[in-house]
Amino acid sequence: MFGPRGIPMRPIVHPTKCKVKHHCCEYIVPEIHPTHIQNVTHHNYKHVHSFPVTQSQVDTVSHQHFTAPSAVSPFGPGPGAPSAVSPFGPGPGMMGPGMGPGTVAGAGFGPGKCCKPRRPWF
């Protein structure tokens, strides 16, 4: 028959060889990175102050009337002498209504005391 016959023995078990076989599984993981944009509108009011200046012109007019002293005789006026009454009102030293010492004829009738000036008719 074939080969020698002998006494059977126990088998020798050698260390196990380790082999690694890789299997890959892919997973898709959605990762969300949100962004928010906030639009800010700034309203800036620049106040520019001006100081306009106006002017006005006021012209005042005054009139004074005087009576010239007459040549008076120490003996009084003669016959046929003109009257001592002036057509312009009382003379110096004679006080009329509203007249007193330090008062000027026409005082109290300046700007602000009467109506606004009238336009001439011509």
C-alpha atoms as a PDB file:
ATOM      1  CA  MET A   1       0.000   0.000   0.000  1.00  0.00           C
ATOM      2  CA  PHE A   2       1.135   3.382   0.124  1.00  0.00           C
ATOM      3  CA  GLY A   3       3.660   4.838   2.552  1.00  0.00           C
ATOM      4  CA  PRO A   4       4.752   3.770   5.919  1.00  0.00           C
ATOM      5  CA  ARG A   5       2.244   2.951   8.487  1.00  0.00           C
ATOM      6  CA  GLY A   6       2.961   4.220  11.733  1.00  0.00           C
ATOM      7  CA  ILE A   7       1.448   5.064  15.019  1.00  0.00           C
ATOM      8  CA  PRO A   8      -0.940   7.919  14.814  1.00  0.00           C
ATOM      9  CA  MET A   9       0.039  11.032  16.829  1.00  0.00           C
ATOM     10  CA  ARG A  10      -1.727  14.085  17.922  1.00  0.00           C
ATOM     11  CA  PRO A  11      -1.862  16.845  15.390  1.00  0.00           C
ATOM     12  CA  ILE A  12       0.316  19.955  15.844  1.00  0.00           C
ATOM     13  CA  VAL A  13      -1.749  23.142  15.651  1.00  0.00           C
ATOM     14  CA  HIS A  14       0.225  26.151  14.552  1.00  0.00           C
ATOM     15  CA  PRO A  15      -0.783  29.748  15.492  1.00  0.00           C
ATOM     16  CA  THR A  16      -3.581  31.145  13.368  1.00  0.00           C
ATOM     17  CA  LYS A  17      -2.550  33.445  10.637  1.00  0.00           C
ATOM     18  CA  CYS A  18      -4.610  36.615  10.795  1.00  0.00           C
ATOM     19  CA  LYS A  19      -5.627  38.180   7.595  1.00  0.00           C
ATOM     20  CA  VAL A  20      -7.630  41.416   7.462  1.00  0.00           C
ATOM     21  CA  LYS A  21     -10.088  42.016   4.740  1.00  0.00           C
ATOM     22  CA  HIS A  22     -11.399  45.628   4.542  1.00  0.00           C
ATOM     23  CA  HIS A  23     -14.899  46.527   3.526  1.00  0.00           C
ATOM     24  CA  CYS A  24     -15.794  50.259   3.136  1.00  0.00           C
ATOM     25  CA  CYS A  25     -19.226  51.705   3.618  1.00  0.00           C
ATOM     26  CA  GLU A  26     -19.817  55.356   2.717  1.00  0.00           C
ATOM     27  CA  TYR A  27     -22.307  57.537   4.528  1.00  0.00           C
ATOM     28  CA  ILE A  28     -23.347  61.035   3.417  1.00  0.00           C
ATOM     29  CA  VAL A  29     -23.901  63.348   6.384  1.00  0.00           C
ATOM     30  CA  PRO A  30     -25.393  66.742   5.422  1.00  0.00           C
ATOM     31  CA  GLU A  31     -23.781  69.580   7.430  1.00  0.00           C
ATOM     32  CA  ILE A  32     -25.538  72.932   7.167  1.00  0.00           C
ATOM     33  CA  HIS A  33     -23.731  76.224   7.884  1.00  0.00           C
ATOM     34  CA  PRO A  34     -26.430  78.958   7.730  1.00  0.00           C
ATOM     35  CA  THR A  35     -25.596  82.640   7.121  1.00  0.00           C
ATOM     36  CA  HIS A  36     -27.881  85.582   7.877  1.00  0.00           C
ATOM     37  CA  ILE A  37     -27.277  89.040   6.380  1.00  0.00           C
ATOM     38  CA  GLN A  38     -28.924  91.971   8.123  1.00  0.00           C
ATOM     39  CA  ASN A  39     -29.034  95.141   6.013  1.00  0.00           C
ATOM     40  CA  VAL A  40     -28.985  98.315   8.152  1.00  0.00           C
ATOM     41  CA  THR A  41     -29.806 101.696   6.620  1.00  0.00           C
ATOM     42  CA  HIS A  42     -28.482 104.668   8.586  1.00  0.00           C
ATOM     43  CA  HIS A  43     -30.322 107.988   8.258  1.00  0.00           C
ATOM     44  CA  ASN A  44     -28.172 110.970   9.188  1.00  0.00           C
ATOM     45  CA  TYR A  45     -29.784 114.397   9.292  1.00  0.00           C
ATOM     46  CA  LYS A  46     -27.342 117.282   8.978  1.00  0.00           C
ATOM     47  CA  HIS A  47     -28.951 120.463  10.240  1.00  0.00           C
ATOM     48  CA  VAL A  48     -27.457 123.545   8.624  1.00  0.00           C
ATOM     49  CA  HIS A  49     -28.333 126.697  10.535  1.00  0.00           C
ATOM     50  CA  SER A  50     -28.353 130.070   8.813  1.00  0.00           C
ATOM     51  CA  PHE A  51     -28.841 133.444  10.365  1.00  0.00           C
ATOM     52  CA  PRO A  52     -30.289 135.844   7.773  1.00  0.00           C
ATOM     53  CA  VAL A  53     -30.107 139.519   8.644  1.00  0.00           C
ATOM     54  CA  THR A  54     -32.571 142.071   7.396  1.00  0.00           C
ATOM     55  CA  GLN A  55     -32.329 145.831   7.480  1.00  0.00           C
ATOM     56  CA  SER A  56     -34.844 148.581   7.232  1.00  0.00           C
ATOM     57  CA  GLN A  57     -34.490 152.290   6.661  1.00  0.00           C
ATOM     58  CA  VAL A  58     -36.489 154.860   8.564  1.00  0.00           C
ATOM     59  CA  ASP A  59     -36.396 158.517   7.592  1.00  0.00           C
ATOM     60  CA  THR A  60     -37.840 161.079   9.928  1.00  0.00           C
ATOM     61  CA  VAL A  61     -38.917 164.571   8.956  1.00  0.00           C
ATOM     62  CA  SER A  62     -39.603 167.415  11.301  1.00  0.00           C
ATOM     63  CA  HIS A  63     -40.732 170.997  10.719  1.00  0.00           C
ATOM     64  CA  GLN A  64     -40.246 173.979  12.963  1.00  0.00           C
ATOM     65  CA  HIS A  65     -42.012 177.282  12.462  1.00  0.00           C
ATOM     66  CA  PHE A  66     -40.805 180.452  14.079  1.00  0.00           C
ATOM     67  CA  THR A  67     -42.263 183.918  14.144  1.00  0.00           C
ATOM     68  CA  ALA A  68     -39.723 186.637  13.501  1.00  0.00           C
ATOM     69  CA  PRO A  69     -39.704 189.280  16.212  1.00  0.00           C
ATOM     70  CA  SER A  70     -41.308 192.472  15.035  1.00  0.00           C
ATOM     71  CA  ALA A  71     -39.803 195.860  15.560  1.00  0.00           C
ATOM     72  CA  VAL A  72     -41.971 197.010  18.434  1.00  0.00           C
ATOM     73  CA  SER A  73     -41.881 200.628  19.431  1.00  0.00           C
ATOM     74  CA  PRO A  74     -41.425 201.271  23.143  1.00  0.00           C
ATOM     75  CA  PHE A  75     -44.622 203.267  22.805  1.00  0.00           C
ATOM     76  CA  GLY A  76     -46.692 200.322  21.397  1.00  0.00           C
ATOM     77  CA  PRO A  77     -47.894 199.617  17.904  1.00  0.00           C
ATOM     78  CA  GLY A  78     -48.887 202.543  15.855  1.00  0.00           C
ATOM     79  CA  PRO A  79     -52.211 203.078  14.135  1.00  0.00           C
ATOM     80  CA  GLY A  80     -52.713 200.808  11.178  1.00  0.00           C
ATOM     81  CA  ALA A  81     -49.984 198.439  12.382  1.00  0.00           C
ATOM     82  CA  PRO A  82     -50.395 194.822  11.329  1.00  0.00           C
ATOM     83  CA  SER A  83     -51.871 192.355  13.777  1.00  0.00           C
ATOM     84  CA  ALA A  84     -49.376 190.497  16.013  1.00  0.00           C
ATOM     85  CA  VAL A  85     -51.020 187.148  15.209  1.00  0.00           C
ATOM     86  CA  SER A  86     -48.871 185.004  12.927  1.00  0.00           C
ATOM     87  CA  PRO A  87     -50.451 182.776  10.303  1.00  0.00           C
ATOM     88  CA  PHE A  88     -48.089 180.022  11.582  1.00  0.00           C
ATOM     89  CA  GLY A  89     -49.480 179.923  15.095  1.00  0.00           C
ATOM     90  CA  PRO A  90     -48.218 181.331  18.410  1.00  0.00           C
ATOM     91  CA  GLY A  91     -44.737 182.838  18.422  1.00  0.00           C
ATOM     92  CA  PRO A  92     -41.848 182.094  20.793  1.00  0.00           C
ATOM     93  CA  GLY A  93     -42.825 182.258  24.421  1.00  0.00           C
ATOM     94  CA  MET A  94     -46.495 181.712  23.620  1.00  0.00           C
ATOM     95  CA  MET A  95     -47.685 178.240  24.466  1.00  0.00           C
ATOM     96  CA  GLY A  96     -50.328 176.664  22.324  1.00  0.00           C
ATOM     97  CA  PRO A  97     -52.268 173.479  23.163  1.00  0.00           C
ATOM     98  CA  GLY A  98     -49.884 170.568  23.788  1.00  0.00           C
ATOM     99  CA  MET A  99     -46.836 172.820  23.759  1.00  0.00           C
ATOM    100  CA  GLY A 100     -44.615 173.236  26.749  1.00  0.00           C
ATOM    101  CA  PRO A 101     -40.972 173.782  27.615  1.00  0.00           C
ATOM    102  CA  GLY A 102     -38.732 171.270  25.800  1.00  0.00           C
ATOM    103  CA  THR A 103     -41.506 170.306  23.404  1.00  0.00           C
ATOM    104  CA  VAL A 104     -40.792 170.373  19.673  1.00  0.00           C
ATOM    105  CA  ALA A 105     -43.528 171.053  17.196  1.00  0.00           C
ATOM    106  CA  GLY A 106     -44.552 167.812  15.501  1.00  0.00           C
ATOM    107  CA  ALA A 107     -43.212 165.601  18.302  1.00  0.00           C
ATOM    108  CA  GLY A 108     -45.274 162.483  18.786  1.00  0.00           C
ATOM    109  CA  PHE A 109     -46.056 162.194  15.081  1.00  0.00           C
ATOM    110  CA  GLY A 110     -42.980 160.230  13.928  1.00  0.00           C
ATOM    111  CA  PRO A 111     -42.694 156.633  12.715  1.00  0.00           C
ATOM    112  CA  GLY A 112     -44.788 154.188  14.704  1.00  0.00           C
ATOM    113  CA  LYS A 113     -47.207 156.950  15.776  1.00  0.00           C
ATOM    114  CA  CYS A 114     -49.276 157.117  12.607  1.00  0.00           C
ATOM    115  CA  CYS A 115     -50.206 155.060   9.602  1.00  0.00           C
ATOM    116  CA  LYS A 116     -47.592 153.795   7.159  1.00  0.00           C
ATOM    117  CA  PRO A 117     -46.469 156.435   4.625  1.00  0.00           C
ATOM    118  CA  ARG A 118     -48.823 157.026   1.746  1.00  0.00           C
ATOM    119  CA  ARG A 119     -47.679 156.904  -1.848  1.00  0.00           C
ATOM    120  CA  PRO A 120     -47.725 160.238  -3.666  1.00  0.00           C
ATOM    121  CA  TRP A 121     -50.682 160.807  -5.988  1.00  0.00           C
ATOM    122  CA  PHE A 122     -48.577 162.029  -8.880  1.00  0.00           C
END
